[in-house]
Amino acid sequence: MAVLGYTLYRNVVPYPTGAAFWLPITAGAWIAVALAAVLLSPALVRRIGRRLTEEEGLA
């Protein structure tokens, strides 16, 4: 988690200007949606993970 946080930090500091201004905001929104899904519906996330594992032939 620390490496992920550091990577996100280094991609935002210094904050982009111009057309890239909205990219960190959009990425942060996607991360927030994924985190909310994991925290609010762990059964759904497990089911999605199980199905992806089966489709890739890893199970």
PDB file of N, CA and C in Angstrom:
ATOM      1  N   MET A   1       0.830  -1.190   0.000  1.00  0.00           N
ATOM      2  CA  MET A   1       0.000   0.000   0.000  1.00  0.00           C
ATOM      3  C   MET A   1       0.873   1.251   0.000  1.00  0.00           C
ATOM      4  N   ALA A   2       1.999   1.174   0.686  1.00  0.00           N
ATOM      5  CA  ALA A   2       2.897   2.328   0.730  1.00  0.00           C
ATOM      6  C   ALA A   2       3.450   2.637  -0.654  1.00  0.00           C
ATOM      7  N   VAL A   3       3.811   1.605  -1.403  1.00  0.00           N
ATOM      8  CA  VAL A   3       4.338   1.817  -2.757  1.00  0.00           C
ATOM      9  C   VAL A   3       3.250   2.391  -3.661  1.00  0.00           C
ATOM     10  N   LEU A   4       2.045   1.890  -3.537  1.00  0.00           N
ATOM     11  CA  LEU A   4       0.933   2.421  -4.321  1.00  0.00           C
ATOM     12  C   LEU A   4       0.683   3.887  -3.979  1.00  0.00           C
ATOM     13  N   GLY A   5       0.670   4.205  -2.692  1.00  0.00           N
ATOM     14  CA  GLY A   5       0.481   5.592  -2.271  1.00  0.00           C
ATOM     15  C   GLY A   5       1.582   6.504  -2.776  1.00  0.00           C
ATOM     16  N   TYR A   6       2.827   6.035  -2.699  1.00  0.00           N
ATOM     17  CA  TYR A   6       3.957   6.840  -3.181  1.00  0.00           C
ATOM     18  C   TYR A   6       3.863   7.063  -4.685  1.00  0.00           C
ATOM     19  N   THR A   7       3.482   6.034  -5.426  1.00  0.00           N
ATOM     20  CA  THR A   7       3.333   6.168  -6.877  1.00  0.00           C
ATOM     21  C   THR A   7       2.257   7.193  -7.216  1.00  0.00           C
ATOM     22  N   LEU A   8       1.139   7.119  -6.523  1.00  0.00           N
ATOM     23  CA  LEU A   8       0.080   8.103  -6.757  1.00  0.00           C
ATOM     24  C   LEU A   8       0.564   9.513  -6.424  1.00  0.00           C
ATOM     25  N   TYR A   9       1.260   9.642  -5.318  1.00  0.00           N
ATOM     26  CA  TYR A   9       1.783  10.948  -4.903  1.00  0.00           C
ATOM     27  C   TYR A   9       2.731  11.520  -5.959  1.00  0.00           C
ATOM     28  N   ARG A  10       3.665  10.715  -6.444  1.00  0.00           N
ATOM     29  CA  ARG A  10       4.654  11.197  -7.419  1.00  0.00           C
ATOM     30  C   ARG A  10       4.018  11.560  -8.754  1.00  0.00           C
ATOM     31  N   ASN A  11       2.849  10.995  -9.049  1.00  0.00           N
ATOM     32  CA  ASN A  11       2.166  11.330 -10.289  1.00  0.00           C
ATOM     33  C   ASN A  11       1.309  12.581 -10.162  1.00  0.00           C
ATOM     34  N   VAL A  12       1.128  13.059  -8.949  1.00  0.00           N
ATOM     35  CA  VAL A  12       0.299  14.247  -8.736  1.00  0.00           C
ATOM     36  C   VAL A  12       1.134  15.457  -8.335  1.00  0.00           C
ATOM     37  N   VAL A  13       2.276  15.256  -7.714  1.00  0.00           N
ATOM     38  CA  VAL A  13       3.115  16.368  -7.257  1.00  0.00           C
ATOM     39  C   VAL A  13       4.284  16.524  -8.209  1.00  0.00           C
ATOM     40  N   PRO A  14       4.489  17.627  -8.852  1.00  0.00           N
ATOM     41  CA  PRO A  14       3.663  18.839  -8.829  1.00  0.00           C
ATOM     42  C   PRO A  14       2.372  18.630  -9.621  1.00  0.00           C
ATOM     43  N   TYR A  15       1.319  19.292  -9.168  1.00  0.00           N
ATOM     44  CA  TYR A  15       0.003  19.109  -9.779  1.00  0.00           C
ATOM     45  C   TYR A  15       0.029  19.562 -11.232  1.00  0.00           C
ATOM     46  N   PRO A  16      -0.513  18.746 -12.142  1.00  0.00           N
ATOM     47  CA  PRO A  16      -0.494  19.103 -13.559  1.00  0.00           C
ATOM     48  C   PRO A  16      -1.362  20.320 -13.867  1.00  0.00           C
ATOM     49  N   THR A  17      -1.009  21.011 -14.908  1.00  0.00           N
ATOM     50  CA  THR A  17      -1.786  22.170 -15.363  1.00  0.00           C
ATOM     51  C   THR A  17      -2.263  21.909 -16.782  1.00  0.00           C
ATOM     52  N   GLY A  18      -3.080  22.785 -17.271  1.00  0.00           N
ATOM     53  CA  GLY A  18      -3.570  22.665 -18.634  1.00  0.00           C
ATOM     54  C   GLY A  18      -4.574  21.530 -18.777  1.00  0.00           C
ATOM     55  N   ALA A  19      -4.457  20.798 -19.889  1.00  0.00           N
ATOM     56  CA  ALA A  19      -5.409  19.733 -20.193  1.00  0.00           C
ATOM     57  C   ALA A  19      -5.313  18.571 -19.205  1.00  0.00           C
ATOM     58  N   ALA A  20      -4.180  18.383 -18.581  1.00  0.00           N
ATOM     59  CA  ALA A  20      -3.985  17.268 -17.647  1.00  0.00           C
ATOM     60  C   ALA A  20      -4.527  17.568 -16.254  1.00  0.00           C
ATOM     61  N   PHE A  21      -5.102  18.730 -16.050  1.00  0.00           N
ATOM     62  CA  PHE A  21      -5.612  19.135 -14.733  1.00  0.00           C
ATOM     63  C   PHE A  21      -6.603  18.126 -14.164  1.00  0.00           C
ATOM     64  N   TRP A  22      -7.478  17.585 -15.005  1.00  0.00           N
ATOM     65  CA  TRP A  22      -8.548  16.708 -14.542  1.00  0.00           C
ATOM     66  C   TRP A  22      -8.126  15.245 -14.385  1.00  0.00           C
ATOM     67  N   LEU A  23      -6.967  14.859 -14.883  1.00  0.00           N
ATOM     68  CA  LEU A  23      -6.558  13.459 -14.822  1.00  0.00           C
ATOM     69  C   LEU A  23      -6.422  12.926 -13.393  1.00  0.00           C
ATOM     70  N   PRO A  24      -5.747  13.615 -12.470  1.00  0.00           N
ATOM     71  CA  PRO A  24      -5.680  13.097 -11.100  1.00  0.00           C
ATOM     72  C   PRO A  24      -7.048  13.040 -10.414  1.00  0.00           C
ATOM     73  N   ILE A  25      -7.907  13.976 -10.728  1.00  0.00           N
ATOM     74  CA  ILE A  25      -9.242  13.992 -10.134  1.00  0.00           C
ATOM     75  C   ILE A  25     -10.041  12.785 -10.620  1.00  0.00           C
ATOM     76  N   THR A  26      -9.967  12.504 -11.912  1.00  0.00           N
ATOM     77  CA  THR A  26     -10.669  11.353 -12.478  1.00  0.00           C
ATOM     78  C   THR A  26     -10.121  10.044 -11.912  1.00  0.00           C
ATOM     79  N   ALA A  27      -8.807   9.926 -11.838  1.00  0.00           N
ATOM     80  CA  ALA A  27      -8.197   8.722 -11.277  1.00  0.00           C
ATOM     81  C   ALA A  27      -8.591   8.547  -9.813  1.00  0.00           C
ATOM     82  N   GLY A  28      -8.600   9.633  -9.061  1.00  0.00           N
ATOM     83  CA  GLY A  28      -9.009   9.571  -7.657  1.00  0.00           C
ATOM     84  C   GLY A  28     -10.458   9.139  -7.504  1.00  0.00           C
ATOM     85  N   ALA A  29     -11.315   9.593  -8.403  1.00  0.00           N
ATOM     86  CA  ALA A  29     -12.724   9.191  -8.357  1.00  0.00           C
ATOM     87  C   ALA A  29     -12.862   7.688  -8.612  1.00  0.00           C
ATOM     88  N   TRP A  30     -12.122   7.157  -9.578  1.00  0.00           N
ATOM     89  CA  TRP A  30     -12.169   5.720  -9.859  1.00  0.00           C
ATOM     90  C   TRP A  30     -11.653   4.911  -8.673  1.00  0.00           C
ATOM     91  N   ILE A  31     -10.606   5.381  -8.048  1.00  0.00           N
ATOM     92  CA  ILE A  31     -10.075   4.695  -6.873  1.00  0.00           C
ATOM     93  C   ILE A  31     -11.103   4.715  -5.746  1.00  0.00           C
ATOM     94  N   ALA A  32     -11.768   5.845  -5.553  1.00  0.00           N
ATOM     95  CA  ALA A  32     -12.794   5.956  -4.512  1.00  0.00           C
ATOM     96  C   ALA A  32     -13.969   5.021  -4.787  1.00  0.00           C
ATOM     97  N   VAL A  33     -14.387   4.908  -6.038  1.00  0.00           N
ATOM     98  CA  VAL A  33     -15.490   4.008  -6.395  1.00  0.00           C
ATOM     99  C   VAL A  33     -15.097   2.557  -6.115  1.00  0.00           C
ATOM    100  N   ALA A  34     -13.885   2.168  -6.504  1.00  0.00           N
ATOM    101  CA  ALA A  34     -13.427   0.796  -6.274  1.00  0.00           C
ATOM    102  C   ALA A  34     -13.319   0.502  -4.783  1.00  0.00           C
ATOM    103  N   LEU A  35     -12.779   1.434  -4.024  1.00  0.00           N
ATOM    104  CA  LEU A  35     -12.648   1.246  -2.576  1.00  0.00           C
ATOM    105  C   LEU A  35     -14.018   1.142  -1.919  1.00  0.00           C
ATOM    106  N   ALA A  36     -14.964   1.970  -2.347  1.00  0.00           N
ATOM    107  CA  ALA A  36     -16.324   1.903  -1.800  1.00  0.00           C
ATOM    108  C   ALA A  36     -16.962   0.560  -2.112  1.00  0.00           C
ATOM    109  N   ALA A  37     -16.754   0.042  -3.330  1.00  0.00           N
ATOM    110  CA  ALA A  37     -17.321  -1.264  -3.699  1.00  0.00           C
ATOM    111  C   ALA A  37     -16.758  -2.363  -2.816  1.00  0.00           C
ATOM    112  N   VAL A  38     -15.466  -2.327  -2.565  1.00  0.00           N
ATOM    113  CA  VAL A  38     -14.831  -3.355  -1.732  1.00  0.00           C
ATOM    114  C   VAL A  38     -15.342  -3.270  -0.298  1.00  0.00           C
ATOM    115  N   LEU A  39     -15.464  -2.066   0.224  1.00  0.00           N
ATOM    116  CA  LEU A  39     -15.885  -1.909   1.617  1.00  0.00           C
ATOM    117  C   LEU A  39     -17.377  -2.134   1.831  1.00  0.00           C
ATOM    118  N   LEU A  40     -18.195  -1.753   0.853  1.00  0.00           N
ATOM    119  CA  LEU A  40     -19.645  -1.828   1.026  1.00  0.00           C
ATOM    120  C   LEU A  40     -20.245  -3.153   0.572  1.00  0.00           C
ATOM    121  N   SER A  41     -19.566  -3.857  -0.329  1.00  0.00           N
ATOM    122  CA  SER A  41     -20.120  -5.104  -0.842  1.00  0.00           C
ATOM    123  C   SER A  41     -19.024  -6.135  -1.077  1.00  0.00           C
ATOM    124  N   PRO A  42     -18.437  -6.647  -0.012  1.00  0.00           N
ATOM    125  CA  PRO A  42     -17.358  -7.619  -0.188  1.00  0.00           C
ATOM    126  C   PRO A  42     -17.806  -8.905  -0.892  1.00  0.00           C
ATOM    127  N   ALA A  43     -19.063  -9.302  -0.723  1.00  0.00           N
ATOM    128  CA  ALA A  43     -19.551 -10.511  -1.388  1.00  0.00           C
ATOM    129  C   ALA A  43     -19.556 -10.332  -2.903  1.00  0.00           C
ATOM    130  N   LEU A  44     -19.967  -9.169  -3.354  1.00  0.00           N
ATOM    131  CA  LEU A  44     -19.968  -8.886  -4.788  1.00  0.00           C
ATOM    132  C   LEU A  44     -18.547  -8.913  -5.341  1.00  0.00           C
ATOM    133  N   VAL A  45     -17.630  -8.330  -4.622  1.00  0.00           N
ATOM    134  CA  VAL A  45     -16.238  -8.286  -5.065  1.00  0.00           C
ATOM    135  C   VAL A  45     -15.657  -9.701  -5.118  1.00  0.00           C
ATOM    136  N   ARG A  46     -15.978 -10.528  -4.127  1.00  0.00           N
ATOM    137  CA  ARG A  46     -15.503 -11.917  -4.132  1.00  0.00           C
ATOM    138  C   ARG A  46     -16.055 -12.668  -5.342  1.00  0.00           C
ATOM    139  N   ARG A  47     -17.343 -12.454  -5.631  1.00  0.00           N
ATOM    140  CA  ARG A  47     -17.978 -13.126  -6.762  1.00  0.00           C
ATOM    141  C   ARG A  47     -17.335 -12.698  -8.076  1.00  0.00           C
ATOM    142  N   ILE A  48     -17.049 -11.416  -8.221  1.00  0.00           N
ATOM    143  CA  ILE A  48     -16.382 -10.921  -9.426  1.00  0.00           C
ATOM    144  C   ILE A  48     -14.987 -11.529  -9.541  1.00  0.00           C
ATOM    145  N   GLY A  49     -14.256 -11.566  -8.441  1.00  0.00           N
ATOM    146  CA  GLY A  49     -12.913 -12.151  -8.446  1.00  0.00           C
ATOM    147  C   GLY A  49     -12.936 -13.625  -8.800  1.00  0.00           C
ATOM    148  N   ARG A  50     -13.893 -14.352  -8.250  1.00  0.00           N
ATOM    149  CA  ARG A  50     -14.021 -15.777  -8.546  1.00  0.00           C
ATOM    150  C   ARG A  50     -14.292 -16.000 -10.029  1.00  0.00           C
ATOM    151  N   ARG A  51     -15.197 -15.198 -10.578  1.00  0.00           N
ATOM    152  CA  ARG A  51     -15.536 -15.353 -11.994  1.00  0.00           C
ATOM    153  C   ARG A  51     -14.352 -15.012 -12.895  1.00  0.00           C
ATOM    154  N   LEU A  52     -13.628 -13.941 -12.576  1.00  0.00           N
ATOM    155  CA  LEU A  52     -12.451 -13.591 -13.365  1.00  0.00           C
ATOM    156  C   LEU A  52     -11.387 -14.689 -13.297  1.00  0.00           C
ATOM    157  N   THR A  53     -11.223 -15.278 -12.117  1.00  0.00           N
ATOM    158  CA  THR A  53     -10.266 -16.369 -11.950  1.00  0.00           C
ATOM    159  C   THR A  53     -10.656 -17.565 -12.819  1.00  0.00           C
ATOM    160  N   GLU A  54     -11.936 -17.909 -12.830  1.00  0.00           N
ATOM    161  CA  GLU A  54     -12.413 -19.026 -13.647  1.00  0.00           C
ATOM    162  C   GLU A  54     -12.248 -18.744 -15.128  1.00  0.00           C
ATOM    163  N   GLU A  55     -12.561 -17.519 -15.564  1.00  0.00           N
ATOM    164  CA  GLU A  55     -12.455 -17.169 -16.981  1.00  0.00           C
ATOM    165  C   GLU A  55     -11.006 -17.206 -17.474  1.00  0.00           C
ATOM    166  N   GLU A  56     -10.077 -16.930 -16.585  1.00  0.00           N
ATOM    167  CA  GLU A  56      -8.646 -16.952 -16.956  1.00  0.00           C
ATOM    168  C   GLU A  56      -8.071 -18.360 -16.835  1.00  0.00           C
ATOM    169  N   GLY A  57      -8.864 -19.309 -16.351  1.00  0.00           N
ATOM    170  CA  GLY A  57      -8.415 -20.681 -16.218  1.00  0.00           C
ATOM    171  C   GLY A  57      -7.441 -20.877 -15.066  1.00  0.00           C
ATOM    172  N   LEU A  58      -7.531 -20.053 -14.039  1.00  0.00           N
ATOM    173  CA  LEU A  58      -6.603 -20.138 -12.920  1.00  0.00           C
ATOM    174  C   LEU A  58      -7.157 -20.969 -11.761  1.00  0.00           C
ATOM    175  N   ALA A  59      -8.413 -21.391 -11.880  1.00  0.00           N
ATOM    176  CA  ALA A  59      -9.003 -22.166 -10.786  1.00  0.00           C
ATOM    177  C   ALA A  59      -9.219 -23.611 -11.202  1.00  0.00           C
TER     178      ALA A  59
END
